[in-house]
Structure formats: C-alpha cells, structure tokens
Amino acid sequence: MDTTGADDDLELDLAICTACGADITDEASAYGIPNGEWLCLGCAVARGGRFDAGDERWLAAPDLEGLALRPS
C-alpha cells in the first residue's frame, strides 16, 4: 500500500484535489497519488482513506477506483 500522502512537495503549492477541485492547503493531510495528483483530506477519507493526525501519516490508502486520473 502506498501511503506517501504526507510527503513534502514543492508542487503542492499549485495542487488541487483531483476529486473535488479544492485547493490543497495542508500538505500534511493531502494524499499524494503516484502520478503526481492529490486528494484533499475530505475526499481521501470519503474514499475510505484513514489519516492519523497525531503521526501525520496515512494508515489506509483511499480507494482510487473510478477517479479520472492523468496517465503516469
């Protein structure tokens, strides 16, 4: 399971949530998708992701099924 969503990333300043289009403003809780896209905390949790705010890491990856993603 890829739980890289908490990694620092300079591109995050320009990132938007792939699912809802919201600006990604909190890099600690944004879920990074391997192709470079992001999910905001709300969308990632709604898709089954589990985030540990105390440790600032993802415990379970969100389900990306049906999400319109760019090719890697």
PDB file of N, CA and C in Angstrom:
ATOM      1  N   MET A   1       0.843  -1.174   0.000  1.00  0.00           N
ATOM      2  CA  MET A   1       0.000   0.000   0.000  1.00  0.00           C
ATOM      3  C   MET A   1       0.891   1.240   0.000  1.00  0.00           C
ATOM      4  N   ASP A   2       0.587   2.177  -0.865  1.00  0.00           N
ATOM      5  CA  ASP A   2       1.342   3.421  -0.943  1.00  0.00           C
ATOM      6  C   ASP A   2       0.707   4.435   0.005  1.00  0.00           C
ATOM      7  N   THR A   3       1.466   4.878   0.983  1.00  0.00           N
ATOM      8  CA  THR A   3       0.963   5.871   1.925  1.00  0.00           C
ATOM      9  C   THR A   3       1.854   7.103   1.909  1.00  0.00           C
ATOM     10  N   THR A   4       2.202   7.567   0.720  1.00  0.00           N
ATOM     11  CA  THR A   4       3.130   8.692   0.579  1.00  0.00           C
ATOM     12  C   THR A   4       2.444  10.042   0.700  1.00  0.00           C
ATOM     13  N   GLY A   5       1.191  10.076   1.023  1.00  0.00           N
ATOM     14  CA  GLY A   5       0.437  11.315   1.031  1.00  0.00           C
ATOM     15  C   GLY A   5       0.964  12.409   1.923  1.00  0.00           C
ATOM     16  N   ALA A   6       1.809  12.123   2.873  1.00  0.00           N
ATOM     17  CA  ALA A   6       2.288  13.161   3.785  1.00  0.00           C
ATOM     18  C   ALA A   6       3.640  13.733   3.380  1.00  0.00           C
ATOM     19  N   ASP A   7       4.182  13.332   2.255  1.00  0.00           N
ATOM     20  CA  ASP A   7       5.495  13.820   1.835  1.00  0.00           C
ATOM     21  C   ASP A   7       5.457  15.304   1.494  1.00  0.00           C
ATOM     22  N   ASP A   8       6.554  16.029   1.836  1.00  0.00           N
ATOM     23  CA  ASP A   8       6.681  17.429   1.423  1.00  0.00           C
ATOM     24  C   ASP A   8       6.870  17.468  -0.085  1.00  0.00           C
ATOM     25  N   ASP A   9       6.269  18.445  -0.742  1.00  0.00           N
ATOM     26  CA  ASP A   9       6.368  18.533  -2.188  1.00  0.00           C
ATOM     27  C   ASP A   9       6.172  19.978  -2.604  1.00  0.00           C
ATOM     28  N   LEU A  10       7.142  20.547  -3.325  1.00  0.00           N
ATOM     29  CA  LEU A  10       7.024  21.929  -3.764  1.00  0.00           C
ATOM     30  C   LEU A  10       5.849  22.138  -4.704  1.00  0.00           C
ATOM     31  N   GLU A  11       5.482  21.107  -5.465  1.00  0.00           N
ATOM     32  CA  GLU A  11       4.357  21.223  -6.389  1.00  0.00           C
ATOM     33  C   GLU A  11       3.038  21.394  -5.655  1.00  0.00           C
ATOM     34  N   LEU A  12       3.009  21.079  -4.375  1.00  0.00           N
ATOM     35  CA  LEU A  12       1.775  21.161  -3.607  1.00  0.00           C
ATOM     36  C   LEU A  12       1.217  22.582  -3.590  1.00  0.00           C
ATOM     37  N   ASP A  13       2.081  23.595  -3.670  1.00  0.00           N
ATOM     38  CA  ASP A  13       1.620  24.977  -3.657  1.00  0.00           C
ATOM     39  C   ASP A  13       0.642  25.256  -4.795  1.00  0.00           C
ATOM     40  N   LEU A  14       0.716  24.500  -5.857  1.00  0.00           N
ATOM     41  CA  LEU A  14      -0.139  24.706  -7.020  1.00  0.00           C
ATOM     42  C   LEU A  14      -1.155  23.591  -7.189  1.00  0.00           C
ATOM     43  N   ALA A  15      -1.245  22.683  -6.229  1.00  0.00           N
ATOM     44  CA  ALA A  15      -2.069  21.497  -6.377  1.00  0.00           C
ATOM     45  C   ALA A  15      -3.530  21.762  -6.046  1.00  0.00           C
ATOM     46  N   ILE A  16      -4.376  21.007  -6.708  1.00  0.00           N
ATOM     47  CA  ILE A  16      -5.801  20.992  -6.400  1.00  0.00           C
ATOM     48  C   ILE A  16      -6.220  19.541  -6.224  1.00  0.00           C
ATOM     49  N   CYS A  17      -7.299  19.337  -5.513  1.00  0.00           N
ATOM     50  CA  CYS A  17      -7.816  17.987  -5.307  1.00  0.00           C
ATOM     51  C   CYS A  17      -8.368  17.455  -6.616  1.00  0.00           C
ATOM     52  N   THR A  18      -7.928  16.269  -6.993  1.00  0.00           N
ATOM     53  CA  THR A  18      -8.378  15.638  -8.231  1.00  0.00           C
ATOM     54  C   THR A  18      -9.874  15.335  -8.200  1.00  0.00           C
ATOM     55  N   ALA A  19     -10.415  15.056  -7.032  1.00  0.00           N
ATOM     56  CA  ALA A  19     -11.822  14.673  -6.927  1.00  0.00           C
ATOM     57  C   ALA A  19     -12.770  15.866  -6.885  1.00  0.00           C
ATOM     58  N   CYS A  20     -12.446  16.895  -6.065  1.00  0.00           N
ATOM     59  CA  CYS A  20     -13.402  17.989  -5.881  1.00  0.00           C
ATOM     60  C   CYS A  20     -12.927  19.342  -6.395  1.00  0.00           C
ATOM     61  N   GLY A  21     -11.638  19.462  -6.726  1.00  0.00           N
ATOM     62  CA  GLY A  21     -11.117  20.708  -7.257  1.00  0.00           C
ATOM     63  C   GLY A  21     -10.700  21.732  -6.216  1.00  0.00           C
ATOM     64  N   ALA A  22     -10.794  21.375  -4.928  1.00  0.00           N
ATOM     65  CA  ALA A  22     -10.394  22.308  -3.862  1.00  0.00           C
ATOM     66  C   ALA A  22      -8.882  22.504  -3.875  1.00  0.00           C
ATOM     67  N   ASP A  23      -8.447  23.693  -3.476  1.00  0.00           N
ATOM     68  CA  ASP A  23      -7.013  23.939  -3.314  1.00  0.00           C
ATOM     69  C   ASP A  23      -6.487  23.067  -2.189  1.00  0.00           C
ATOM     70  N   ILE A  24      -5.321  22.471  -2.402  1.00  0.00           N
ATOM     71  CA  ILE A  24      -4.663  21.692  -1.357  1.00  0.00           C
ATOM     72  C   ILE A  24      -3.866  22.675  -0.518  1.00  0.00           C
ATOM     73  N   THR A  25      -4.287  22.872   0.723  1.00  0.00           N
ATOM     74  CA  THR A  25      -3.650  23.865   1.581  1.00  0.00           C
ATOM     75  C   THR A  25      -2.905  23.250   2.757  1.00  0.00           C
ATOM     76  N   ASP A  26      -3.126  21.982   3.029  1.00  0.00           N
ATOM     77  CA  ASP A  26      -2.479  21.330   4.166  1.00  0.00           C
ATOM     78  C   ASP A  26      -1.727  20.103   3.671  1.00  0.00           C
ATOM     79  N   GLU A  27      -0.434  20.274   3.405  1.00  0.00           N
ATOM     80  CA  GLU A  27       0.341  19.184   2.828  1.00  0.00           C
ATOM     81  C   GLU A  27       0.419  17.968   3.730  1.00  0.00           C
ATOM     82  N   ALA A  28       0.332  18.154   5.039  1.00  0.00           N
ATOM     83  CA  ALA A  28       0.438  17.016   5.954  1.00  0.00           C
ATOM     84  C   ALA A  28      -0.707  16.038   5.764  1.00  0.00           C
ATOM     85  N   SER A  29      -1.889  16.536   5.419  1.00  0.00           N
ATOM     86  CA  SER A  29      -3.033  15.633   5.302  1.00  0.00           C
ATOM     87  C   SER A  29      -3.496  15.408   3.866  1.00  0.00           C
ATOM     88  N   ALA A  30      -2.805  15.957   2.885  1.00  0.00           N
ATOM     89  CA  ALA A  30      -3.148  15.687   1.491  1.00  0.00           C
ATOM     90  C   ALA A  30      -2.612  14.311   1.119  1.00  0.00           C
ATOM     91  N   TYR A  31      -3.369  13.578   0.325  1.00  0.00           N
ATOM     92  CA  TYR A  31      -2.933  12.246  -0.100  1.00  0.00           C
ATOM     93  C   TYR A  31      -2.333  12.355  -1.496  1.00  0.00           C
ATOM     94  N   GLY A  32      -1.066  12.045  -1.620  1.00  0.00           N
ATOM     95  CA  GLY A  32      -0.375  12.101  -2.903  1.00  0.00           C
ATOM     96  C   GLY A  32      -0.598  10.831  -3.707  1.00  0.00           C
ATOM     97  N   ILE A  33      -1.107  11.000  -4.910  1.00  0.00           N
ATOM     98  CA  ILE A  33      -1.314   9.876  -5.824  1.00  0.00           C
ATOM     99  C   ILE A  33      -0.025   9.705  -6.626  1.00  0.00           C
ATOM    100  N   PRO A  34       0.404   8.471  -6.873  1.00  0.00           N
ATOM    101  CA  PRO A  34       1.695   8.246  -7.540  1.00  0.00           C
ATOM    102  C   PRO A  34       1.907   8.987  -8.861  1.00  0.00           C
ATOM    103  N   ASN A  35       0.850   9.359  -9.574  1.00  0.00           N
ATOM    104  CA  ASN A  35       1.032  10.060 -10.851  1.00  0.00           C
ATOM    105  C   ASN A  35       1.230  11.563 -10.664  1.00  0.00           C
ATOM    106  N   GLY A  36       1.309  12.029  -9.405  1.00  0.00           N
ATOM    107  CA  GLY A  36       1.537  13.447  -9.143  1.00  0.00           C
ATOM    108  C   GLY A  36       0.287  14.230  -8.795  1.00  0.00           C
ATOM    109  N   GLU A  37      -0.863  13.604  -8.835  1.00  0.00           N
ATOM    110  CA  GLU A  37      -2.101  14.277  -8.446  1.00  0.00           C
ATOM    111  C   GLU A  37      -2.309  14.125  -6.944  1.00  0.00           C
ATOM    112  N   TRP A  38      -3.311  14.843  -6.408  1.00  0.00           N
ATOM    113  CA  TRP A  38      -3.560  14.875  -4.973  1.00  0.00           C
ATOM    114  C   TRP A  38      -5.035  14.728  -4.658  1.00  0.00           C
ATOM    115  N   LEU A  39      -5.323  14.220  -3.464  1.00  0.00           N
ATOM    116  CA  LEU A  39      -6.678  14.244  -2.906  1.00  0.00           C
ATOM    117  C   LEU A  39      -6.626  15.046  -1.613  1.00  0.00           C
ATOM    118  N   CYS A  40      -7.630  15.906  -1.406  1.00  0.00           N
ATOM    119  CA  CYS A  40      -7.724  16.614  -0.135  1.00  0.00           C
ATOM    120  C   CYS A  40      -8.129  15.610   0.944  1.00  0.00           C
ATOM    121  N   LEU A  41      -7.965  15.981   2.181  1.00  0.00           N
ATOM    122  CA  LEU A  41      -8.284  15.093   3.295  1.00  0.00           C
ATOM    123  C   LEU A  41      -9.729  14.605   3.221  1.00  0.00           C
ATOM    124  N   GLY A  42     -10.664  15.504   2.984  1.00  0.00           N
ATOM    125  CA  GLY A  42     -12.081  15.126   2.945  1.00  0.00           C
ATOM    126  C   GLY A  42     -12.386  14.093   1.880  1.00  0.00           C
ATOM    127  N   CYS A  43     -11.861  14.287   0.681  1.00  0.00           N
ATOM    128  CA  CYS A  43     -12.115  13.334  -0.410  1.00  0.00           C
ATOM    129  C   CYS A  43     -11.414  12.005  -0.161  1.00  0.00           C
ATOM    130  N   ALA A  44     -10.196  12.055   0.372  1.00  0.00           N
ATOM    131  CA  ALA A  44      -9.466  10.823   0.655  1.00  0.00           C
ATOM    132  C   ALA A  44     -10.186   9.996   1.717  1.00  0.00           C
ATOM    133  N   VAL A  45     -10.675  10.653   2.761  1.00  0.00           N
ATOM    134  CA  VAL A  45     -11.400   9.941   3.821  1.00  0.00           C
ATOM    135  C   VAL A  45     -12.734   9.409   3.288  1.00  0.00           C
ATOM    136  N   ALA A  46     -13.419  10.193   2.461  1.00  0.00           N
ATOM    137  CA  ALA A  46     -14.686   9.745   1.880  1.00  0.00           C
ATOM    138  C   ALA A  46     -14.497   8.505   1.007  1.00  0.00           C
ATOM    139  N   ARG A  47     -13.283   8.318   0.494  1.00  0.00           N
ATOM    140  CA  ARG A  47     -12.970   7.158  -0.338  1.00  0.00           C
ATOM    141  C   ARG A  47     -12.344   6.026   0.485  1.00  0.00           C
ATOM    142  N   GLY A  48     -12.461   6.122   1.811  1.00  0.00           N
ATOM    143  CA  GLY A  48     -12.009   5.040   2.675  1.00  0.00           C
ATOM    144  C   GLY A  48     -10.614   5.188   3.254  1.00  0.00           C
ATOM    145  N   GLY A  49      -9.917   6.285   2.936  1.00  0.00           N
ATOM    146  CA  GLY A  49      -8.590   6.501   3.497  1.00  0.00           C
ATOM    147  C   GLY A  49      -8.677   6.811   4.985  1.00  0.00           C
ATOM    148  N   ARG A  50      -7.673   6.418   5.727  1.00  0.00           N
ATOM    149  CA  ARG A  50      -7.612   6.717   7.160  1.00  0.00           C
ATOM    150  C   ARG A  50      -6.314   7.449   7.451  1.00  0.00           C
ATOM    151  N   PHE A  51      -6.447   8.656   8.032  1.00  0.00           N
ATOM    152  CA  PHE A  51      -5.306   9.517   8.317  1.00  0.00           C
ATOM    153  C   PHE A  51      -5.104   9.636   9.820  1.00  0.00           C
ATOM    154  N   ASP A  52      -3.874   9.448  10.287  1.00  0.00           N
ATOM    155  CA  ASP A  52      -3.525   9.615  11.697  1.00  0.00           C
ATOM    156  C   ASP A  52      -2.946  11.017  11.858  1.00  0.00           C
ATOM    157  N   ALA A  53      -3.746  11.938  12.386  1.00  0.00           N
ATOM    158  CA  ALA A  53      -3.315  13.333  12.517  1.00  0.00           C
ATOM    159  C   ALA A  53      -2.166  13.477  13.516  1.00  0.00           C
ATOM    160  N   GLY A  54      -2.137  12.646  14.534  1.00  0.00           N
ATOM    161  CA  GLY A  54      -1.067  12.722  15.523  1.00  0.00           C
ATOM    162  C   GLY A  54       0.289  12.414  14.926  1.00  0.00           C
ATOM    163  N   ASP A  55       0.348  11.389  14.083  1.00  0.00           N
ATOM    164  CA  ASP A  55       1.604  10.995  13.432  1.00  0.00           C
ATOM    165  C   ASP A  55       1.753  11.605  12.048  1.00  0.00           C
ATOM    166  N   GLU A  56       0.712  12.305  11.580  1.00  0.00           N
ATOM    167  CA  GLU A  56       0.689  12.902  10.243  1.00  0.00           C
ATOM    168  C   GLU A  56       1.082  11.903   9.170  1.00  0.00           C
ATOM    169  N   ARG A  57       0.335  10.786   9.136  1.00  0.00           N
ATOM    170  CA  ARG A  57       0.589   9.779   8.111  1.00  0.00           C
ATOM    171  C   ARG A  57      -0.707   9.037   7.799  1.00  0.00           C
ATOM    172  N   TRP A  58      -0.748   8.470   6.624  1.00  0.00           N
ATOM    173  CA  TRP A  58      -1.898   7.699   6.194  1.00  0.00           C
ATOM    174  C   TRP A  58      -1.769   6.269   6.680  1.00  0.00           C
ATOM    175  N   LEU A  59      -2.806   5.767   7.336  1.00  0.00           N
ATOM    176  CA  LEU A  59      -2.846   4.393   7.816  1.00  0.00           C
ATOM    177  C   LEU A  59      -3.463   3.476   6.771  1.00  0.00           C
ATOM    178  N   ALA A  60      -4.360   4.012   5.958  1.00  0.00           N
ATOM    179  CA  ALA A  60      -5.002   3.250   4.889  1.00  0.00           C
ATOM    180  C   ALA A  60      -5.160   4.168   3.687  1.00  0.00           C
ATOM    181  N   ALA A  61      -4.821   3.649   2.539  1.00  0.00           N
ATOM    182  CA  ALA A  61      -4.941   4.428   1.299  1.00  0.00           C
ATOM    183  C   ALA A  61      -6.406   4.523   0.869  1.00  0.00           C
ATOM    184  N   PRO A  62      -6.792   5.656   0.285  1.00  0.00           N
ATOM    185  CA  PRO A  62      -8.152   5.777  -0.246  1.00  0.00           C
ATOM    186  C   PRO A  62      -8.321   4.922  -1.499  1.00  0.00           C
ATOM    187  N   ASP A  63      -9.546   4.560  -1.773  1.00  0.00           N
ATOM    188  CA  ASP A  63      -9.880   3.811  -2.984  1.00  0.00           C
ATOM    189  C   ASP A  63      -9.878   4.781  -4.164  1.00  0.00           C
ATOM    190  N   LEU A  64      -9.056   4.528  -5.153  1.00  0.00           N
ATOM    191  CA  LEU A  64      -8.968   5.422  -6.317  1.00  0.00           C
ATOM    192  C   LEU A  64      -9.830   4.950  -7.479  1.00  0.00           C
ATOM    193  N   GLU A  65     -10.582   3.876  -7.284  1.00  0.00           N
ATOM    194  CA  GLU A  65     -11.463   3.318  -8.321  1.00  0.00           C
ATOM    195  C   GLU A  65     -12.452   4.383  -8.814  1.00  0.00           C
ATOM    196  N   GLY A  66     -12.532   4.540 -10.116  1.00  0.00           N
ATOM    197  CA  GLY A  66     -13.474   5.465 -10.725  1.00  0.00           C
ATOM    198  C   GLY A  66     -13.032   6.916 -10.773  1.00  0.00           C
ATOM    199  N   LEU A  67     -11.856   7.210 -10.229  1.00  0.00           N
ATOM    200  CA  LEU A  67     -11.325   8.564 -10.238  1.00  0.00           C
ATOM    201  C   LEU A  67     -10.673   8.821 -11.594  1.00  0.00           C
ATOM    202  N   ALA A  68     -11.016   9.926 -12.229  1.00  0.00           N
ATOM    203  CA  ALA A  68     -10.427  10.265 -13.533  1.00  0.00           C
ATOM    204  C   ALA A  68      -9.018  10.799 -13.302  1.00  0.00           C
ATOM    205  N   LEU A  69      -8.013   9.952 -13.507  1.00  0.00           N
ATOM    206  CA  LEU A  69      -6.619  10.307 -13.279  1.00  0.00           C
ATOM    207  C   LEU A  69      -5.874  10.493 -14.589  1.00  0.00           C
ATOM    208  N   ARG A  70      -4.874  11.379 -14.557  1.00  0.00           N
ATOM    209  CA  ARG A  70      -3.978  11.521 -15.712  1.00  0.00           C
ATOM    210  C   ARG A  70      -3.113  10.274 -15.788  1.00  0.00           C
ATOM    211  N   PRO A  71      -2.700   9.910 -16.978  1.00  0.00           N
ATOM    212  CA  PRO A  71      -1.740   8.790 -17.077  1.00  0.00           C
ATOM    213  C   PRO A  71      -0.412   9.182 -16.417  1.00  0.00           C
ATOM    214  N   SER A  72       0.237   8.217 -15.805  1.00  0.00           N
ATOM    215  CA  SER A  72       1.533   8.478 -15.124  1.00  0.00           C
ATOM    216  C   SER A  72       2.600   8.796 -16.108  1.00  0.00           C
TER     217      SER A  72
END
